[in-house]
C-alpha atoms as a PDB file:
ATOM      1  CA  UNK A   1      -0.207   0.156   0.031  1.00  0.00           C
ATOM      2  CA  UNK A   2       2.887   2.442   0.967  1.00  0.00           C
ATOM      3  CA  UNK A   3       4.474   1.834  -2.398  1.00  0.00           C
ATOM      4  CA  UNK A   4       1.111   2.544  -4.229  1.00  0.00           C
ATOM      5  CA  UNK A   5       0.822   5.599  -2.376  1.00  0.00           C
ATOM      6  CA  UNK A   6       4.183   6.813  -3.094  1.00  0.00           C
ATOM      7  CA  UNK A   7       3.815   6.159  -6.774  1.00  0.00           C
ATOM      8  CA  UNK A   8       0.460   7.930  -6.992  1.00  0.00           C
ATOM      9  CA  UNK A   9       1.994  11.137  -5.100  1.00  0.00           C
ATOM     10  CA  UNK A  10       4.919  10.799  -7.450  1.00  0.00           C
ATOM     11  CA  UNK A  11       2.476  10.800 -10.615  1.00  0.00           C
ATOM     12  CA  UNK A  12       0.293  13.593  -8.970  1.00  0.00           C
ATOM     13  CA  UNK A  13       3.457  15.901  -8.512  1.00  0.00           C
ATOM     14  CA  UNK A  14       4.653  15.053 -11.858  1.00  0.00           C
ATOM     15  CA  UNK A  15       1.555  15.795 -13.521  1.00  0.00           C
ATOM     16  CA  UNK A  16       1.157  18.988 -11.725  1.00  0.00           C
ATOM     17  CA  UNK A  17       4.753  20.108 -12.400  1.00  0.00           C
ATOM     18  CA  UNK A  18       3.965  19.305 -16.185  1.00  0.00           C
ATOM     19  CA  UNK A  19       1.191  21.677 -16.176  1.00  0.00           C
ATOM     20  CA  UNK A  20       3.373  24.537 -14.580  1.00  0.00           C
ATOM     21  CA  UNK A  21       5.874  23.978 -17.134  1.00  0.00           C
ATOM     22  CA  UNK A  22       3.564  24.480 -20.166  1.00  0.00           C
ATOM     23  CA  UNK A  23       4.359  27.188 -22.337  1.00  0.00           C
ATOM     24  CA  UNK A  24       2.187  29.984 -22.856  1.00  0.00           C
ATOM     25  CA  UNK A  25       1.841  31.408 -26.382  1.00  0.00           C
ATOM     26  CA  UNK A  26       1.133  35.124 -27.068  1.00  0.00           C
ATOM     27  CA  UNK A  27       1.349  37.273 -30.119  1.00  0.00           C
ATOM     28  CA  UNK A  28       2.033  36.609 -33.635  1.00  0.00           C
ATOM     29  CA  UNK A  29       5.114  34.227 -34.575  1.00  0.00           C
ATOM     30  CA  UNK A  30       5.566  34.961 -38.419  1.00  0.00           C
ATOM     31  CA  UNK A  31       4.724  38.647 -38.809  1.00  0.00           C
ATOM     32  CA  UNK A  32       4.128  41.456 -36.626  1.00  0.00           C
ATOM     33  CA  UNK A  33       0.428  42.599 -36.734  1.00  0.00           C
ATOM     34  CA  UNK A  34       1.116  46.000 -38.162  1.00  0.00           C
ATOM     35  CA  UNK A  35       0.859  49.434 -36.931  1.00  0.00           C
ATOM     36  CA  UNK A  36      -0.837  50.659 -33.746  1.00  0.00           C
ATOM     37  CA  UNK A  37      -0.777  53.780 -31.350  1.00  0.00           C
ATOM     38  CA  UNK A  38       0.559  54.300 -28.161  1.00  0.00           C
ATOM     39  CA  UNK A  39       1.008  57.241 -25.826  1.00  0.00           C
ATOM     40  CA  UNK A  40       4.833  57.786 -24.860  1.00  0.00           C
ATOM     41  CA  UNK A  41       5.190  58.042 -21.245  1.00  0.00           C
ATOM     42  CA  UNK A  42       8.993  58.302 -21.309  1.00  0.00           C
ATOM     43  CA  UNK A  43      11.690  58.927 -24.079  1.00  0.00           C
ATOM     44  CA  UNK A  44      12.504  61.325 -26.865  1.00  0.00           C
ATOM     45  CA  UNK A  45       8.878  61.161 -27.778  1.00  0.00           C
ATOM     46  CA  UNK A  46       7.231  61.901 -24.021  1.00  0.00           C
ATOM     47  CA  UNK A  47       3.924  62.866 -24.147  1.00  0.00           C
ATOM     48  CA  UNK A  48       3.156  62.264 -27.743  1.00  0.00           C
ATOM     49  CA  UNK A  49       0.662  59.740 -29.412  1.00  0.00           C
ATOM     50  CA  UNK A  50       2.727  57.993 -31.932  1.00  0.00           C
ATOM     51  CA  UNK A  51       2.987  54.586 -33.784  1.00  0.00           C
ATOM     52  CA  UNK A  52       6.589  53.195 -32.883  1.00  0.00           C
ATOM     53  CA  UNK A  53       6.174  50.381 -35.395  1.00  0.00           C
ATOM     54  CA  UNK A  54       5.752  53.081 -37.935  1.00  0.00           C
ATOM     55  CA  UNK A  55       8.444  55.210 -36.589  1.00  0.00           C
ATOM     56  CA  UNK A  56      10.921  52.357 -36.777  1.00  0.00           C
ATOM     57  CA  UNK A  57       9.826  51.134 -40.220  1.00  0.00           C
ATOM     58  CA  UNK A  58      10.356  54.734 -41.341  1.00  0.00           C
ATOM     59  CA  UNK A  59      13.973  54.868 -39.856  1.00  0.00           C
ATOM     60  CA  UNK A  60      14.759  51.418 -41.335  1.00  0.00           C
ATOM     61  CA  UNK A  61      15.580  49.993 -38.192  1.00  0.00           C
ATOM     62  CA  UNK A  62      17.139  46.506 -38.972  1.00  0.00           C
ATOM     63  CA  UNK A  63      15.688  44.987 -35.786  1.00  0.00           C
ATOM     64  CA  UNK A  64      13.255  45.981 -33.022  1.00  0.00           C
ATOM     65  CA  UNK A  65      12.374  44.329 -29.627  1.00  0.00           C
ATOM     66  CA  UNK A  66       8.581  45.077 -29.071  1.00  0.00           C
ATOM     67  CA  UNK A  67       7.613  44.400 -25.285  1.00  0.00           C
ATOM     68  CA  UNK A  68       3.854  44.070 -24.251  1.00  0.00           C
ATOM     69  CA  UNK A  69       3.506  44.414 -20.570  1.00  0.00           C
ATOM     70  CA  UNK A  70       0.530  43.930 -18.138  1.00  0.00           C
ATOM     71  CA  UNK A  71       2.633  44.935 -15.356  1.00  0.00           C
ATOM     72  CA  UNK A  72       5.372  47.532 -14.310  1.00  0.00           C
ATOM     73  CA  UNK A  73       7.687  46.114 -11.627  1.00  0.00           C
ATOM     74  CA  UNK A  74      11.528  45.557 -10.913  1.00  0.00           C
ATOM     75  CA  UNK A  75      11.266  42.230 -12.603  1.00  0.00           C
ATOM     76  CA  UNK A  76      10.241  44.079 -16.060  1.00  0.00           C
ATOM     77  CA  UNK A  77      12.833  46.601 -15.461  1.00  0.00           C
ATOM     78  CA  UNK A  78      15.375  43.787 -15.179  1.00  0.00           C
ATOM     79  CA  UNK A  79      14.211  42.517 -18.668  1.00  0.00           C
ATOM     80  CA  UNK A  80      14.201  45.948 -20.158  1.00  0.00           C
ATOM     81  CA  UNK A  81      17.970  46.750 -18.919  1.00  0.00           C
ATOM     82  CA  UNK A  82      19.008  43.681 -20.570  1.00  0.00           C
ATOM     83  CA  UNK A  83      17.585  44.967 -24.078  1.00  0.00           C
ATOM     84  CA  UNK A  84      18.827  48.405 -23.266  1.00  0.00           C
ATOM     85  CA  UNK A  85      22.562  46.964 -22.842  1.00  0.00           C
ATOM     86  CA  UNK A  86      22.252  45.598 -26.471  1.00  0.00           C
ATOM     87  CA  UNK A  87      20.872  48.996 -27.900  1.00  0.00           C
ATOM     88  CA  UNK A  88      23.564  50.791 -26.206  1.00  0.00           C
ATOM     89  CA  UNK A  89      26.015  48.974 -28.434  1.00  0.00           C
ATOM     90  CA  UNK A  90      23.599  48.937 -31.470  1.00  0.00           C
ATOM     91  CA  UNK A  91      21.974  52.382 -31.823  1.00  0.00           C
ATOM     92  CA  UNK A  92      20.048  51.097 -34.868  1.00  0.00           C
ATOM     93  CA  UNK A  93      18.024  48.420 -32.636  1.00  0.00           C
ATOM     94  CA  UNK A  94      14.655  49.886 -32.129  1.00  0.00           C
ATOM     95  CA  UNK A  95      13.102  49.113 -28.689  1.00  0.00           C
ATOM     96  CA  UNK A  96       9.776  50.064 -27.153  1.00  0.00           C
ATOM     97  CA  UNK A  97       7.579  48.716 -24.154  1.00  0.00           C
ATOM     98  CA  UNK A  98       3.948  48.954 -24.399  1.00  0.00           C
ATOM     99  CA  UNK A  99       1.797  48.812 -21.483  1.00  0.00           C
ATOM    100  CA  UNK A 100      -1.541  47.049 -21.840  1.00  0.00           C
ATOM    101  CA  UNK A 101      -4.660  45.735 -19.611  1.00  0.00           C
ATOM    102  CA  UNK A 102      -4.371  48.216 -16.614  1.00  0.00           C
ATOM    103  CA  UNK A 103      -0.865  49.560 -16.775  1.00  0.00           C
ATOM    104  CA  UNK A 104      -0.984  53.357 -16.237  1.00  0.00           C
ATOM    105  CA  UNK A 105       1.292  56.345 -17.000  1.00  0.00           C
ATOM    106  CA  UNK A 106       2.059  56.522 -13.346  1.00  0.00           C
ATOM    107  CA  UNK A 107       3.359  52.901 -13.071  1.00  0.00           C
ATOM    108  CA  UNK A 108       5.724  53.570 -15.886  1.00  0.00           C
ATOM    109  CA  UNK A 109       6.904  57.096 -14.560  1.00  0.00           C
ATOM    110  CA  UNK A 110       7.695  55.324 -11.245  1.00  0.00           C
ATOM    111  CA  UNK A 111       9.613  52.563 -13.047  1.00  0.00           C
ATOM    112  CA  UNK A 112      11.549  55.138 -14.998  1.00  0.00           C
ATOM    113  CA  UNK A 113      12.601  57.339 -11.928  1.00  0.00           C
ATOM    114  CA  UNK A 114      13.674  54.194 -10.267  1.00  0.00           C
ATOM    115  CA  UNK A 115      15.743  52.557 -13.091  1.00  0.00           C
ATOM    116  CA  UNK A 116      16.533  55.369 -15.597  1.00  0.00           C
ATOM    117  CA  UNK A 117      15.673  53.028 -18.774  1.00  0.00           C
ATOM    118  CA  UNK A 118      16.711  53.750 -22.149  1.00  0.00           C
ATOM    119  CA  UNK A 119      13.751  52.064 -23.662  1.00  0.00           C
ATOM    120  CA  UNK A 120      10.547  54.178 -24.339  1.00  0.00           C
ATOM    121  CA  UNK A 121       7.962  53.375 -21.940  1.00  0.00           C
ATOM    122  CA  UNK A 122       4.654  53.675 -23.441  1.00  0.00           C
ATOM    123  CA  UNK A 123       0.799  52.768 -22.993  1.00  0.00           C
ATOM    124  CA  UNK A 124      -1.390  51.252 -25.921  1.00  0.00           C
ATOM    125  CA  UNK A 125      -4.079  53.628 -27.046  1.00  0.00           C
ATOM    126  CA  UNK A 126      -6.399  50.232 -26.911  1.00  0.00           C
ATOM    127  CA  UNK A 127      -6.391  49.350 -23.602  1.00  0.00           C
ATOM    128  CA  UNK A 128      -6.239  45.631 -24.269  1.00  0.00           C
ATOM    129  CA  UNK A 129      -3.373  46.032 -26.723  1.00  0.00           C
ATOM    130  CA  UNK A 130      -3.802  45.960 -30.695  1.00  0.00           C
ATOM    131  CA  UNK A 131      -6.124  43.267 -31.617  1.00  0.00           C
ATOM    132  CA  UNK A 132      -4.333  42.233 -34.748  1.00  0.00           C
ATOM    133  CA  UNK A 133      -1.521  41.068 -32.360  1.00  0.00           C
ATOM    134  CA  UNK A 134      -3.775  38.539 -30.679  1.00  0.00           C
ATOM    135  CA  UNK A 135      -2.143  38.952 -27.335  1.00  0.00           C
ATOM    136  CA  UNK A 136      -3.010  36.238 -24.639  1.00  0.00           C
ATOM    137  CA  UNK A 137      -4.514  37.870 -21.426  1.00  0.00           C
ATOM    138  CA  UNK A 138      -2.615  35.036 -19.704  1.00  0.00           C
ATOM    139  CA  UNK A 139       0.506  36.471 -20.782  1.00  0.00           C
ATOM    140  CA  UNK A 140       1.739  38.971 -18.291  1.00  0.00           C
ATOM    141  CA  UNK A 141       4.751  39.780 -20.780  1.00  0.00           C
ATOM    142  CA  UNK A 142       4.939  39.075 -24.542  1.00  0.00           C
ATOM    143  CA  UNK A 143       8.205  40.038 -26.437  1.00  0.00           C
ATOM    144  CA  UNK A 144       8.353  39.901 -30.075  1.00  0.00           C
ATOM    145  CA  UNK A 145      12.005  40.422 -31.830  1.00  0.00           C
ATOM    146  CA  UNK A 146      11.386  41.104 -35.233  1.00  0.00           C
ATOM    147  CA  UNK A 147      13.508  42.282 -38.313  1.00  0.00           C
ATOM    148  CA  UNK A 148      12.896  45.214 -40.758  1.00  0.00           C
ATOM    149  CA  UNK A 149       9.735  44.357 -42.607  1.00  0.00           C
ATOM    150  CA  UNK A 150       8.034  42.836 -39.570  1.00  0.00           C
ATOM    151  CA  UNK A 151       9.604  39.249 -39.886  1.00  0.00           C
ATOM    152  CA  UNK A 152       9.596  37.732 -36.243  1.00  0.00           C
ATOM    153  CA  UNK A 153      12.664  35.916 -35.560  1.00  0.00           C
ATOM    154  CA  UNK A 154      11.676  35.239 -31.825  1.00  0.00           C
ATOM    155  CA  UNK A 155       8.579  35.069 -29.955  1.00  0.00           C
ATOM    156  CA  UNK A 156       8.459  35.010 -25.871  1.00  0.00           C
ATOM    157  CA  UNK A 157       5.573  34.966 -23.746  1.00  0.00           C
ATOM    158  CA  UNK A 158       5.727  34.704 -19.802  1.00  0.00           C
ATOM    159  CA  UNK A 159       2.798  34.204 -17.341  1.00  0.00           C
ATOM    160  CA  UNK A 160       4.731  36.714 -15.003  1.00  0.00           C
ATOM    161  CA  UNK A 161       7.272  39.313 -15.069  1.00  0.00           C
ATOM    162  CA  UNK A 162       9.582  36.998 -12.667  1.00  0.00           C
ATOM    163  CA  UNK A 163       9.831  34.544 -15.592  1.00  0.00           C
ATOM    164  CA  UNK A 164      10.236  37.157 -18.460  1.00  0.00           C
ATOM    165  CA  UNK A 165      13.306  38.691 -16.108  1.00  0.00           C
ATOM    166  CA  UNK A 166      14.691  35.014 -15.963  1.00  0.00           C
ATOM    167  CA  UNK A 167      14.798  34.953 -19.646  1.00  0.00           C
ATOM    168  CA  UNK A 168      16.277  38.499 -20.230  1.00  0.00           C
ATOM    169  CA  UNK A 169      19.561  37.313 -21.514  1.00  0.00           C
ATOM    170  CA  UNK A 170      17.878  35.145 -23.952  1.00  0.00           C
ATOM    171  CA  UNK A 171      15.786  37.964 -25.134  1.00  0.00           C
ATOM    172  CA  UNK A 172      18.859  40.006 -25.418  1.00  0.00           C
ATOM    173  CA  UNK A 173      20.615  37.358 -27.461  1.00  0.00           C
ATOM    174  CA  UNK A 174      17.799  37.265 -29.687  1.00  0.00           C
ATOM    175  CA  UNK A 175      17.995  40.965 -30.325  1.00  0.00           C
ATOM    176  CA  UNK A 176      21.634  40.770 -31.116  1.00  0.00           C
ATOM    177  CA  UNK A 177      20.714  37.935 -33.462  1.00  0.00           C
ATOM    178  CA  UNK A 178      18.297  40.121 -35.370  1.00  0.00           C
ATOM    179  CA  UNK A 179      20.796  42.859 -35.847  1.00  0.00           C
ATOM    180  CA  UNK A 180      22.856  40.245 -37.905  1.00  0.00           C
END
């Protein structure tokens, strides 16, 4: 009986951990969803409503890191700092963070005052994020790394910002790869 119980617990724990390890999917995987407008909270366009996808396209940026987030915290800042480090050595890399589903300007203002991020922090004009991007409401963070023209080379999605921060090096590496 004891052996049976031990086996049952092992199966249960293994099954549950398999559920926890399940990957989340969010956003397009082949081509970005196109233009959308944001309100810039930080950066050179602070206070303006604009389309960063359009801006980066017009500037012929060879690669872009587009980060959608439902939360503004220290874990997000860690992710953004990793991307900022790539941009510091590759000024042609376009980067933008887009707050969706409840992220407020004050959240990003606080994050900026604490962490002094280079990447522009913005809020999507459509609270849910651009519909053509098919962002999963279960994903706290969705990162799209794409080449000029909108071809996505890497899509990352995370249930929480801590998981995103843990993959910051992988996201930075994808950004560097996209620049090649």
